[in-house]
């Protein structure tokens, strides 16, 4: 049982290690009760028409609950694994996994998780991949300017940093997402030249999200800059995956499904980059069973839309325009549903339709129909210019409105002091 403290200093330390159980929050709910963003809300959690669920009553939460499941800010998994009281004792004694060296050493575990979320999900206004679309397009042509190359390198470095931090925090879901993001950013930085490395990252992300086991040392190797691949070593896969029976006692299966959705899509993009169109198509199609029970909202429809356009592009690159156009029609219908149905997100619907037109234009060009391709591309360019002008106008109007409100508030705050000043001057 250990020795009991006998002097005042020892007794004070012992008292400091104790926790007041009456001040602890309630224990986390059982994993099977955590539904994430699959749960439809009665009222909108955030303003905006883009969160209305089509063909049903209720609203989508914008992915907030799914983000909470993946980042696990409340440490529900650790609390279930260690026990409620034991977790808070370990938290008070600073025994939980966190970065203890470097610039984050003084940050708490929770603060480090917030930083991890920013590394994984934040997007700058000038990001090339900003927005909900995940349609694969070859972006590296060797003519990029220095600023573009630098920005892509910084984004790649951030993904590696997210992977290192995920491993330090021992957050398997974030580790899988970091690998998926690393796959995406390697393709953006290196193009086809980095597709093999990107594909390896996606495969490892799926390994973590699956029912088997994975090797932490094997995963941590991907966080190294300018990594040299070492193939002659024996893997020691002893960490259970997110879909294993042992882990499902601690977190819901939805966490595994979310990681698989991201990894399978990025894996398809990497396979497309190495011209393995059939394998890429199979990877994209593997996502659809995971989306069957998801609500019809702009957030999830963008995922469905990206998959359909990507599948269509694989057919187009194989020279089969008819099969490609079948997929484009399905993707286009997702956009028109948001334009035509009550509660749909018109902005997202318009963007989906424009994305399909762009993909169909390139497919027509590959098929030799240059005239139709030019007409479609002209429509895309004209619509893009009109949308940019409208966005700039709205931005100016919002700035003018905010300025007027600030001036009105300043005038209202100064108004009560005016009579006193005048009275003072009259005396």
Foldseek 3Di string as FASTA:
>chain_A
DDDQDDDPVRVVVVVLLDDDVVPADDADDFQVPQPFQLDFAQDAPDDDLQQAFPPDHGGTPLRPRVVCQQLVLVPNLVCVVQPPRRVVSCQSVVNAFFDCDDPCNPPGLSVLSVVLCCLQDPDDPPDPPPDQAPAFDQQDDPPDDPVQLVVLVVNLLSLLVSLVRCVRNVRLLSNLSSLLSNLVSQCNNPNLVCLVVSLVSLVLSLVQLDAAFAASVVSNQNSDPPGDDDDPDDGDGDHGHCPHPVNCSRHPNVSSLVSLLSSLQSNLSSCVSNVVLVSSLVSLVVNVVSCPSHTLGLNVLSSVLSSLQNNLLSCLVVPNNVVSVVSLVVQLVSLVCLVPGPSRRVVSSVVSNLVSLQSNLVSCVSNVNPVSSVVSVVVSVVVVVVVVVVVVVVVVVVVVVVVVVVVVVVCVVCVVCVVVVVVVVVD
